[in-house]
Amino acid sequence: MKYLVLYLVIAHLILITVAYSQSNEAEMAGTHKNEHSIHWNHIAVFGGATSKFEKEGTHFSIGMDYLRKFPAKGNLAISLFAEAIFEEHIEWLFGIPVIYWVSDNLWIRTGPGIEILQEEKHDHAETKTETKTEFLWRAGVGYDIEFGKYNLAPSIDIDFERSTTALVWGLNFGYGF
């Protein structure tokens, strides 16, 4: 598992380096892949589901994310997300992925995060709830369908966590400014 995390961190750094150098070259040449999307900032709400491979069941998920592009017409952004998974107890996820637009509308993302969850521990006749924090790595893909400053983006992600792997899928509704 530690080697998988190391490989993912290295891939993340390579993606940032390549994407940043391409956006700088495009800026100097005066050409950009997504000319129609000129917003520096973007905020979105997410509704969807999370399916954990090691556990049976799919659970409702909601979230929010904010991203900042480099430059506004470029194809690289840094993002912050917060997400809630409604299982027996609510699980919270927070992360900082990097997003790279492969084309005008198709994007990929990858980056680190944490999951805060509650576990029940049974000790003799007593049940205790403990809060636990786990490192996660998110990798995913999405497609922007734009309506002026607004957009819809179906997305699918895979979260690699210490104790499980999860498939997160749903729809983002966003606003660029």
N, C-alpha and C. Protein backbone atom coordinates (compact mmCIF):
# COMPACT_ATOMS: atom_id res chain seq x y z
N MET A 1 0.82 -1.19 0.00
CA MET A 1 0.00 0.00 0.00
C MET A 1 0.87 1.26 0.00
N LYS A 2 1.98 1.25 0.78
CA LYS A 2 2.81 2.45 0.84
C LYS A 2 3.45 2.75 -0.52
N TYR A 3 3.75 1.70 -1.31
CA TYR A 3 4.31 1.93 -2.64
C TYR A 3 3.27 2.51 -3.58
N LEU A 4 2.02 2.08 -3.45
CA LEU A 4 0.95 2.64 -4.26
C LEU A 4 0.81 4.14 -3.99
N VAL A 5 0.82 4.52 -2.73
CA VAL A 5 0.74 5.94 -2.36
C VAL A 5 1.93 6.71 -2.93
N LEU A 6 3.12 6.14 -2.83
CA LEU A 6 4.32 6.79 -3.36
C LEU A 6 4.19 6.99 -4.88
N TYR A 7 3.74 5.96 -5.60
CA TYR A 7 3.56 6.07 -7.05
C TYR A 7 2.51 7.13 -7.39
N LEU A 8 1.44 7.18 -6.62
CA LEU A 8 0.40 8.17 -6.88
C LEU A 8 0.91 9.60 -6.63
N VAL A 9 1.70 9.79 -5.59
CA VAL A 9 2.27 11.12 -5.31
C VAL A 9 3.20 11.53 -6.44
N ILE A 10 4.03 10.61 -6.92
CA ILE A 10 4.94 10.92 -8.03
C ILE A 10 4.14 11.26 -9.29
N ALA A 11 3.09 10.48 -9.59
CA ALA A 11 2.24 10.76 -10.75
C ALA A 11 1.57 12.13 -10.62
N HIS A 12 1.15 12.47 -9.41
CA HIS A 12 0.54 13.78 -9.14
C HIS A 12 1.53 14.91 -9.45
N LEU A 13 2.75 14.78 -8.99
CA LEU A 13 3.76 15.81 -9.23
C LEU A 13 4.10 15.92 -10.72
N ILE A 14 4.17 14.79 -11.41
CA ILE A 14 4.44 14.83 -12.86
C ILE A 14 3.30 15.52 -13.59
N LEU A 15 2.05 15.19 -13.23
CA LEU A 15 0.89 15.82 -13.85
C LEU A 15 0.91 17.33 -13.65
N ILE A 16 1.21 17.78 -12.45
CA ILE A 16 1.29 19.23 -12.18
C ILE A 16 2.36 19.87 -13.04
N THR A 17 3.54 19.27 -13.10
CA THR A 17 4.66 19.83 -13.87
C THR A 17 4.34 19.91 -15.35
N VAL A 18 3.83 18.83 -15.93
CA VAL A 18 3.51 18.81 -17.36
C VAL A 18 2.39 19.79 -17.68
N ALA A 19 1.34 19.77 -16.90
CA ALA A 19 0.20 20.65 -17.16
C ALA A 19 0.59 22.12 -17.01
N TYR A 20 1.39 22.44 -15.99
CA TYR A 20 1.80 23.82 -15.80
C TYR A 20 2.69 24.30 -16.94
N SER A 21 3.60 23.46 -17.40
CA SER A 21 4.48 23.87 -18.50
C SER A 21 3.68 24.04 -19.78
N GLN A 22 2.67 23.18 -20.02
CA GLN A 22 1.84 23.33 -21.21
C GLN A 22 0.99 24.59 -21.14
N SER A 23 0.46 24.92 -19.96
CA SER A 23 -0.36 26.13 -19.86
C SER A 23 0.51 27.38 -20.04
N ASN A 24 1.77 27.34 -19.57
CA ASN A 24 2.67 28.48 -19.79
C ASN A 24 3.02 28.63 -21.25
N GLU A 25 3.28 27.51 -21.95
CA GLU A 25 3.57 27.56 -23.39
C GLU A 25 2.38 28.11 -24.16
N ALA A 26 1.18 27.68 -23.80
CA ALA A 26 -0.03 28.16 -24.47
C ALA A 26 -0.24 29.66 -24.22
N GLU A 27 0.06 30.10 -22.99
CA GLU A 27 -0.08 31.51 -22.67
C GLU A 27 0.90 32.36 -23.47
N MET A 28 2.13 31.89 -23.62
CA MET A 28 3.13 32.63 -24.38
C MET A 28 2.78 32.66 -25.87
N ALA A 29 2.23 31.56 -26.36
CA ALA A 29 1.87 31.48 -27.78
C ALA A 29 0.53 32.15 -28.06
N GLY A 30 -0.24 32.46 -27.02
CA GLY A 30 -1.53 33.10 -27.20
C GLY A 30 -2.64 32.14 -27.58
N THR A 31 -2.41 30.83 -27.39
CA THR A 31 -3.44 29.83 -27.70
C THR A 31 -3.78 29.04 -26.44
N HIS A 32 -5.05 28.70 -26.34
CA HIS A 32 -5.52 27.92 -25.20
C HIS A 32 -6.51 26.90 -25.69
N LYS A 33 -6.53 25.75 -25.03
CA LYS A 33 -7.45 24.69 -25.43
C LYS A 33 -8.90 25.07 -25.20
N ASN A 34 -9.22 25.66 -24.07
CA ASN A 34 -10.61 25.96 -23.78
C ASN A 34 -10.85 27.47 -23.73
N GLU A 35 -10.92 28.08 -24.90
CA GLU A 35 -11.12 29.51 -25.03
C GLU A 35 -12.46 29.96 -24.48
N HIS A 36 -13.47 29.10 -24.54
CA HIS A 36 -14.80 29.50 -24.11
C HIS A 36 -14.94 29.56 -22.59
N SER A 37 -14.04 28.97 -21.86
CA SER A 37 -14.12 28.94 -20.41
C SER A 37 -13.09 29.91 -19.83
N ILE A 38 -13.54 31.13 -19.50
CA ILE A 38 -12.58 32.17 -19.09
C ILE A 38 -12.72 32.54 -17.62
N HIS A 39 -13.17 31.62 -16.80
CA HIS A 39 -13.36 31.90 -15.39
C HIS A 39 -12.14 31.43 -14.58
N TRP A 40 -11.64 32.31 -13.73
CA TRP A 40 -10.54 31.94 -12.84
C TRP A 40 -11.02 30.99 -11.75
N ASN A 41 -12.24 31.23 -11.26
CA ASN A 41 -12.77 30.49 -10.11
C ASN A 41 -14.02 29.73 -10.51
N HIS A 42 -14.27 28.66 -9.80
CA HIS A 42 -15.45 27.84 -10.07
C HIS A 42 -15.86 27.19 -8.75
N ILE A 43 -17.16 27.20 -8.49
CA ILE A 43 -17.69 26.54 -7.30
C ILE A 43 -18.81 25.61 -7.75
N ALA A 44 -18.92 24.44 -7.13
CA ALA A 44 -19.92 23.46 -7.55
C ALA A 44 -20.45 22.67 -6.36
N VAL A 45 -21.66 22.19 -6.51
CA VAL A 45 -22.24 21.25 -5.56
C VAL A 45 -22.30 19.88 -6.25
N PHE A 46 -22.19 18.83 -5.46
CA PHE A 46 -22.14 17.47 -5.99
C PHE A 46 -23.25 16.64 -5.35
N GLY A 47 -23.90 15.84 -6.15
CA GLY A 47 -24.87 14.86 -5.66
C GLY A 47 -24.60 13.55 -6.37
N GLY A 48 -24.53 12.48 -5.61
CA GLY A 48 -24.23 11.20 -6.24
C GLY A 48 -24.23 10.07 -5.23
N ALA A 49 -23.38 9.09 -5.47
CA ALA A 49 -23.33 7.91 -4.62
C ALA A 49 -21.89 7.43 -4.50
N THR A 50 -21.65 6.68 -3.43
CA THR A 50 -20.34 6.07 -3.18
C THR A 50 -20.54 4.58 -2.96
N SER A 51 -19.81 3.79 -3.72
CA SER A 51 -19.85 2.33 -3.59
C SER A 51 -18.48 1.87 -3.12
N LYS A 52 -18.44 1.25 -1.94
CA LYS A 52 -17.17 0.73 -1.42
C LYS A 52 -17.03 -0.71 -1.84
N PHE A 53 -15.87 -1.04 -2.44
CA PHE A 53 -15.67 -2.37 -2.99
C PHE A 53 -15.61 -3.45 -1.92
N GLU A 54 -15.01 -3.16 -0.76
CA GLU A 54 -14.86 -4.16 0.27
C GLU A 54 -16.12 -4.34 1.11
N LYS A 55 -17.05 -3.37 1.05
CA LYS A 55 -18.29 -3.44 1.82
C LYS A 55 -19.45 -3.50 0.84
N GLU A 56 -20.49 -4.20 1.21
CA GLU A 56 -21.67 -4.27 0.36
C GLU A 56 -22.44 -2.97 0.48
N GLY A 57 -22.96 -2.49 -0.64
CA GLY A 57 -23.85 -1.35 -0.58
C GLY A 57 -23.30 -0.10 -1.22
N THR A 58 -24.24 0.73 -1.61
CA THR A 58 -23.96 2.03 -2.19
C THR A 58 -24.69 3.06 -1.34
N HIS A 59 -24.04 4.17 -1.06
CA HIS A 59 -24.60 5.16 -0.16
C HIS A 59 -24.65 6.54 -0.82
N PHE A 60 -25.67 7.31 -0.47
CA PHE A 60 -25.85 8.66 -0.98
C PHE A 60 -24.69 9.54 -0.54
N SER A 61 -24.22 10.40 -1.46
CA SER A 61 -23.12 11.33 -1.17
C SER A 61 -23.47 12.72 -1.67
N ILE A 62 -23.09 13.72 -0.90
CA ILE A 62 -23.21 15.11 -1.35
C ILE A 62 -21.89 15.81 -1.06
N GLY A 63 -21.65 16.90 -1.77
CA GLY A 63 -20.40 17.62 -1.53
C GLY A 63 -20.36 18.96 -2.22
N MET A 64 -19.25 19.63 -2.02
CA MET A 64 -18.98 20.92 -2.64
C MET A 64 -17.52 20.93 -3.05
N ASP A 65 -17.23 21.71 -4.11
CA ASP A 65 -15.83 21.92 -4.44
C ASP A 65 -15.63 23.32 -5.00
N TYR A 66 -14.41 23.75 -4.85
CA TYR A 66 -13.97 25.05 -5.36
C TYR A 66 -12.70 24.78 -6.15
N LEU A 67 -12.58 25.44 -7.30
CA LEU A 67 -11.32 25.31 -8.04
C LEU A 67 -10.86 26.66 -8.54
N ARG A 68 -9.56 26.74 -8.72
CA ARG A 68 -8.90 27.95 -9.21
C ARG A 68 -8.02 27.54 -10.38
N LYS A 69 -8.26 28.17 -11.55
CA LYS A 69 -7.49 27.85 -12.75
C LYS A 69 -6.19 28.62 -12.81
N PHE A 70 -5.22 28.09 -13.55
CA PHE A 70 -3.93 28.73 -13.81
C PHE A 70 -3.69 28.74 -15.30
N PRO A 71 -3.65 29.73 -16.01
CA PRO A 71 -4.40 30.98 -15.89
C PRO A 71 -5.87 30.72 -16.19
N ALA A 72 -6.67 31.78 -16.25
CA ALA A 72 -8.12 31.62 -16.42
C ALA A 72 -8.46 30.83 -17.67
N LYS A 73 -7.73 31.03 -18.76
CA LYS A 73 -8.00 30.31 -20.00
C LYS A 73 -7.17 29.04 -20.11
N GLY A 74 -6.43 28.70 -19.06
CA GLY A 74 -5.55 27.53 -19.10
C GLY A 74 -6.28 26.22 -18.88
N ASN A 75 -5.51 25.17 -18.81
CA ASN A 75 -6.12 23.86 -18.66
C ASN A 75 -5.67 23.16 -17.36
N LEU A 76 -5.26 23.93 -16.36
CA LEU A 76 -4.83 23.38 -15.09
C LEU A 76 -5.52 24.12 -13.96
N ALA A 77 -5.93 23.40 -12.94
CA ALA A 77 -6.58 24.01 -11.78
C ALA A 77 -6.22 23.23 -10.53
N ILE A 78 -6.26 23.92 -9.40
CA ILE A 78 -6.14 23.28 -8.09
C ILE A 78 -7.53 23.35 -7.47
N SER A 79 -7.92 22.32 -6.76
CA SER A 79 -9.28 22.22 -6.26
C SER A 79 -9.29 21.86 -4.78
N LEU A 80 -10.34 22.27 -4.09
CA LEU A 80 -10.60 21.86 -2.71
C LEU A 80 -11.99 21.23 -2.71
N PHE A 81 -12.13 20.07 -2.07
CA PHE A 81 -13.47 19.48 -1.99
C PHE A 81 -13.78 19.02 -0.58
N ALA A 82 -15.08 19.02 -0.27
CA ALA A 82 -15.62 18.46 0.96
C ALA A 82 -16.81 17.62 0.56
N GLU A 83 -16.91 16.44 1.15
CA GLU A 83 -17.95 15.51 0.75
C GLU A 83 -18.44 14.73 1.96
N ALA A 84 -19.72 14.41 1.98
CA ALA A 84 -20.31 13.60 3.05
C ALA A 84 -20.92 12.35 2.44
N ILE A 85 -20.62 11.19 3.05
CA ILE A 85 -21.19 9.92 2.63
C ILE A 85 -22.12 9.47 3.76
N PHE A 86 -23.36 9.21 3.41
CA PHE A 86 -24.36 8.87 4.41
C PHE A 86 -24.47 7.35 4.56
N GLU A 87 -23.59 6.81 5.39
CA GLU A 87 -23.63 5.39 5.75
C GLU A 87 -24.31 5.29 7.11
N GLU A 88 -23.96 4.28 7.90
CA GLU A 88 -24.51 4.16 9.25
C GLU A 88 -24.19 5.42 10.06
N HIS A 89 -22.96 5.88 9.92
CA HIS A 89 -22.52 7.16 10.45
C HIS A 89 -22.08 7.98 9.25
N ILE A 90 -22.17 9.29 9.34
CA ILE A 90 -21.73 10.14 8.22
C ILE A 90 -20.21 10.12 8.16
N GLU A 91 -19.68 9.85 6.97
CA GLU A 91 -18.24 9.91 6.74
C GLU A 91 -17.94 11.20 5.99
N TRP A 92 -16.90 11.89 6.41
CA TRP A 92 -16.51 13.16 5.80
C TRP A 92 -15.21 12.97 5.03
N LEU A 93 -15.17 13.53 3.82
CA LEU A 93 -13.96 13.49 3.01
C LEU A 93 -13.56 14.92 2.65
N PHE A 94 -12.26 15.19 2.69
CA PHE A 94 -11.71 16.49 2.30
C PHE A 94 -10.48 16.23 1.45
N GLY A 95 -10.27 17.03 0.41
CA GLY A 95 -9.11 16.80 -0.42
C GLY A 95 -8.70 18.01 -1.23
N ILE A 96 -7.51 17.88 -1.87
CA ILE A 96 -6.92 18.94 -2.68
C ILE A 96 -6.40 18.34 -3.99
N PRO A 97 -7.30 17.96 -4.89
CA PRO A 97 -6.82 17.41 -6.16
C PRO A 97 -6.41 18.48 -7.17
N VAL A 98 -5.62 18.07 -8.13
CA VAL A 98 -5.25 18.91 -9.28
C VAL A 98 -6.11 18.44 -10.45
N ILE A 99 -6.64 19.41 -11.21
CA ILE A 99 -7.49 19.09 -12.35
C ILE A 99 -6.78 19.54 -13.62
N TYR A 100 -6.84 18.68 -14.65
CA TYR A 100 -6.22 18.98 -15.93
C TYR A 100 -7.24 18.73 -17.03
N TRP A 101 -7.52 19.74 -17.87
CA TRP A 101 -8.45 19.60 -18.98
C TRP A 101 -7.71 18.98 -20.17
N VAL A 102 -8.12 17.78 -20.53
CA VAL A 102 -7.54 17.05 -21.65
C VAL A 102 -8.03 17.66 -22.96
N SER A 103 -9.28 18.13 -22.97
CA SER A 103 -9.88 18.83 -24.11
C SER A 103 -10.73 19.97 -23.55
N ASP A 104 -11.51 20.61 -24.40
CA ASP A 104 -12.34 21.72 -23.92
C ASP A 104 -13.25 21.32 -22.76
N ASN A 105 -13.78 20.12 -22.79
CA ASN A 105 -14.76 19.71 -21.78
C ASN A 105 -14.34 18.53 -20.92
N LEU A 106 -13.44 17.69 -21.40
CA LEU A 106 -13.03 16.49 -20.68
C LEU A 106 -11.86 16.81 -19.75
N TRP A 107 -12.01 16.43 -18.47
CA TRP A 107 -10.95 16.68 -17.50
C TRP A 107 -10.66 15.43 -16.67
N ILE A 108 -9.44 15.42 -16.14
CA ILE A 108 -9.03 14.37 -15.21
C ILE A 108 -8.55 15.06 -13.94
N ARG A 109 -8.63 14.35 -12.83
CA ARG A 109 -8.13 14.91 -11.57
C ARG A 109 -7.49 13.84 -10.73
N THR A 110 -6.58 14.27 -9.89
CA THR A 110 -5.92 13.38 -8.96
C THR A 110 -5.36 14.20 -7.81
N GLY A 111 -5.36 13.61 -6.63
CA GLY A 111 -4.79 14.32 -5.50
C GLY A 111 -5.09 13.67 -4.16
N PRO A 112 -4.44 14.18 -3.11
CA PRO A 112 -4.57 13.61 -1.77
C PRO A 112 -5.80 14.16 -1.04
N GLY A 113 -6.16 13.43 0.02
CA GLY A 113 -7.24 13.88 0.88
C GLY A 113 -7.26 13.07 2.17
N ILE A 114 -8.27 13.34 2.98
CA ILE A 114 -8.46 12.58 4.22
C ILE A 114 -9.93 12.19 4.33
N GLU A 115 -10.16 11.11 5.05
CA GLU A 115 -11.50 10.67 5.36
C GLU A 115 -11.63 10.62 6.88
N ILE A 116 -12.69 11.22 7.41
CA ILE A 116 -12.96 11.19 8.84
C ILE A 116 -14.20 10.33 9.03
N LEU A 117 -14.05 9.23 9.75
CA LEU A 117 -15.16 8.31 9.94
C LEU A 117 -15.27 7.89 11.39
N GLN A 118 -16.42 7.34 11.73
CA GLN A 118 -16.65 6.85 13.08
C GLN A 118 -16.78 5.34 13.04
N GLU A 119 -16.14 4.68 14.00
CA GLU A 119 -16.22 3.23 14.11
C GLU A 119 -16.74 2.88 15.49
N GLU A 120 -17.55 1.85 15.53
CA GLU A 120 -18.06 1.37 16.81
C GLU A 120 -17.15 0.26 17.32
N LYS A 121 -16.72 0.39 18.56
CA LYS A 121 -15.87 -0.61 19.20
C LYS A 121 -16.71 -1.27 20.31
N HIS A 122 -16.77 -2.58 20.27
CA HIS A 122 -17.53 -3.33 21.28
C HIS A 122 -16.55 -3.84 22.34
N ASP A 123 -16.73 -3.34 23.55
CA ASP A 123 -15.87 -3.73 24.67
C ASP A 123 -16.76 -4.28 25.78
N HIS A 124 -16.77 -5.58 25.93
CA HIS A 124 -17.63 -6.28 26.89
C HIS A 124 -19.09 -5.92 26.62
N ALA A 125 -19.79 -5.32 27.54
CA ALA A 125 -21.21 -4.99 27.36
C ALA A 125 -21.39 -3.56 26.86
N GLU A 126 -20.28 -2.89 26.58
CA GLU A 126 -20.33 -1.47 26.23
C GLU A 126 -19.92 -1.28 24.77
N THR A 127 -20.60 -0.35 24.10
CA THR A 127 -20.26 0.01 22.73
C THR A 127 -19.78 1.45 22.71
N LYS A 128 -18.57 1.65 22.19
CA LYS A 128 -18.00 2.99 22.11
C LYS A 128 -17.84 3.39 20.65
N THR A 129 -18.04 4.65 20.36
CA THR A 129 -17.84 5.18 19.02
C THR A 129 -16.54 5.96 19.00
N GLU A 130 -15.64 5.58 18.09
CA GLU A 130 -14.35 6.25 17.97
C GLU A 130 -14.27 6.96 16.62
N THR A 131 -13.67 8.12 16.60
CA THR A 131 -13.44 8.85 15.36
C THR A 131 -12.06 8.48 14.83
N LYS A 132 -12.02 8.21 13.54
CA LYS A 132 -10.79 7.74 12.91
C LYS A 132 -10.54 8.57 11.65
N THR A 133 -9.29 8.93 11.39
CA THR A 133 -8.93 9.68 10.20
C THR A 133 -8.00 8.82 9.34
N GLU A 134 -8.33 8.74 8.04
CA GLU A 134 -7.52 7.96 7.11
C GLU A 134 -7.11 8.81 5.92
N PHE A 135 -5.91 8.56 5.43
CA PHE A 135 -5.41 9.19 4.21
C PHE A 135 -6.12 8.56 3.02
N LEU A 136 -6.42 9.36 1.99
CA LEU A 136 -6.98 8.82 0.77
C LEU A 136 -6.33 9.49 -0.43
N TRP A 137 -6.42 8.82 -1.57
CA TRP A 137 -5.96 9.38 -2.83
C TRP A 137 -7.10 9.26 -3.81
N ARG A 138 -7.49 10.38 -4.43
CA ARG A 138 -8.61 10.39 -5.37
C ARG A 138 -8.08 10.56 -6.79
N ALA A 139 -8.63 9.77 -7.71
CA ALA A 139 -8.33 9.91 -9.14
C ALA A 139 -9.66 9.78 -9.87
N GLY A 140 -9.87 10.67 -10.84
CA GLY A 140 -11.15 10.62 -11.53
C GLY A 140 -11.18 11.36 -12.84
N VAL A 141 -12.36 11.34 -13.44
CA VAL A 141 -12.58 11.96 -14.74
C VAL A 141 -13.98 12.57 -14.75
N GLY A 142 -14.14 13.63 -15.55
CA GLY A 142 -15.44 14.26 -15.68
C GLY A 142 -15.57 14.97 -17.01
N TYR A 143 -16.78 15.41 -17.29
CA TYR A 143 -17.05 16.08 -18.56
C TYR A 143 -17.94 17.28 -18.30
N ASP A 144 -17.46 18.49 -18.65
CA ASP A 144 -18.21 19.73 -18.46
C ASP A 144 -19.18 19.97 -19.60
N ILE A 145 -20.42 20.26 -19.24
CA ILE A 145 -21.44 20.70 -20.20
C ILE A 145 -21.80 22.12 -19.75
N GLU A 146 -21.36 23.12 -20.53
CA GLU A 146 -21.47 24.51 -20.10
C GLU A 146 -22.69 25.22 -20.66
N PHE A 147 -23.26 26.09 -19.80
CA PHE A 147 -24.38 26.96 -20.14
C PHE A 147 -24.03 28.36 -19.66
N GLY A 148 -23.20 29.08 -20.42
CA GLY A 148 -22.72 30.40 -19.98
C GLY A 148 -21.78 30.22 -18.81
N LYS A 149 -22.12 30.86 -17.67
CA LYS A 149 -21.30 30.75 -16.46
C LYS A 149 -21.60 29.48 -15.67
N TYR A 150 -22.66 28.77 -16.01
CA TYR A 150 -23.06 27.56 -15.30
C TYR A 150 -22.59 26.31 -16.04
N ASN A 151 -22.46 25.21 -15.30
CA ASN A 151 -22.14 23.96 -15.97
C ASN A 151 -22.66 22.76 -15.19
N LEU A 152 -22.88 21.69 -15.91
CA LEU A 152 -23.18 20.37 -15.35
C LEU A 152 -22.00 19.49 -15.71
N ALA A 153 -21.57 18.68 -14.77
CA ALA A 153 -20.40 17.82 -15.03
C ALA A 153 -20.61 16.46 -14.40
N PRO A 154 -21.00 15.46 -15.19
CA PRO A 154 -20.98 14.10 -14.64
C PRO A 154 -19.53 13.71 -14.37
N SER A 155 -19.32 13.02 -13.25
CA SER A 155 -17.95 12.64 -12.89
C SER A 155 -17.94 11.26 -12.24
N ILE A 156 -16.79 10.64 -12.32
CA ILE A 156 -16.57 9.36 -11.66
C ILE A 156 -15.15 9.36 -11.09
N ASP A 157 -15.02 8.95 -9.84
CA ASP A 157 -13.72 8.96 -9.15
C ASP A 157 -13.51 7.62 -8.45
N ILE A 158 -12.26 7.32 -8.22
CA ILE A 158 -11.89 6.18 -7.39
C ILE A 158 -11.07 6.72 -6.23
N ASP A 159 -11.52 6.40 -5.02
CA ASP A 159 -10.80 6.79 -3.81
C ASP A 159 -10.05 5.57 -3.28
N PHE A 160 -8.74 5.71 -3.17
CA PHE A 160 -7.89 4.66 -2.60
C PHE A 160 -7.63 5.05 -1.15
N GLU A 161 -8.16 4.26 -0.24
CA GLU A 161 -7.98 4.51 1.18
C GLU A 161 -7.21 3.35 1.78
N ARG A 162 -6.82 3.51 3.01
CA ARG A 162 -6.04 2.45 3.66
C ARG A 162 -6.85 1.17 3.82
N SER A 163 -8.12 1.32 4.22
CA SER A 163 -8.91 0.13 4.52
C SER A 163 -9.87 -0.27 3.41
N THR A 164 -10.08 0.57 2.41
CA THR A 164 -11.04 0.24 1.36
C THR A 164 -10.77 1.05 0.09
N THR A 165 -11.41 0.65 -0.98
CA THR A 165 -11.38 1.39 -2.23
C THR A 165 -12.83 1.71 -2.57
N ALA A 166 -13.10 2.94 -3.00
CA ALA A 166 -14.48 3.36 -3.24
C ALA A 166 -14.63 3.98 -4.62
N LEU A 167 -15.78 3.75 -5.22
CA LEU A 167 -16.15 4.36 -6.49
C LEU A 167 -17.16 5.45 -6.17
N VAL A 168 -16.83 6.69 -6.55
CA VAL A 168 -17.69 7.84 -6.29
C VAL A 168 -18.17 8.36 -7.64
N TRP A 169 -19.48 8.42 -7.81
CA TRP A 169 -20.02 8.85 -9.10
C TRP A 169 -21.23 9.74 -8.87
N GLY A 170 -21.41 10.70 -9.78
CA GLY A 170 -22.53 11.60 -9.63
C GLY A 170 -22.47 12.76 -10.59
N LEU A 171 -23.18 13.83 -10.21
CA LEU A 171 -23.32 15.01 -11.05
C LEU A 171 -22.96 16.25 -10.27
N ASN A 172 -22.12 17.10 -10.87
CA ASN A 172 -21.73 18.38 -10.28
C ASN A 172 -22.50 19.49 -10.98
N PHE A 173 -23.01 20.44 -10.22
CA PHE A 173 -23.64 21.63 -10.79
C PHE A 173 -22.83 22.82 -10.32
N GLY A 174 -22.23 23.56 -11.28
CA GLY A 174 -21.29 24.61 -10.90
C GLY A 174 -21.55 25.96 -11.51
N TYR A 175 -20.80 26.93 -10.99
CA TYR A 175 -20.87 28.32 -11.44
C TYR A 175 -19.46 28.87 -11.53
N GLY A 176 -19.11 29.45 -12.69
CA GLY A 176 -17.80 30.05 -12.86
C GLY A 176 -17.84 31.55 -12.67
N PHE A 177 -16.80 32.09 -12.04
CA PHE A 177 -16.74 33.55 -11.81
C PHE A 177 -15.30 34.03 -11.84
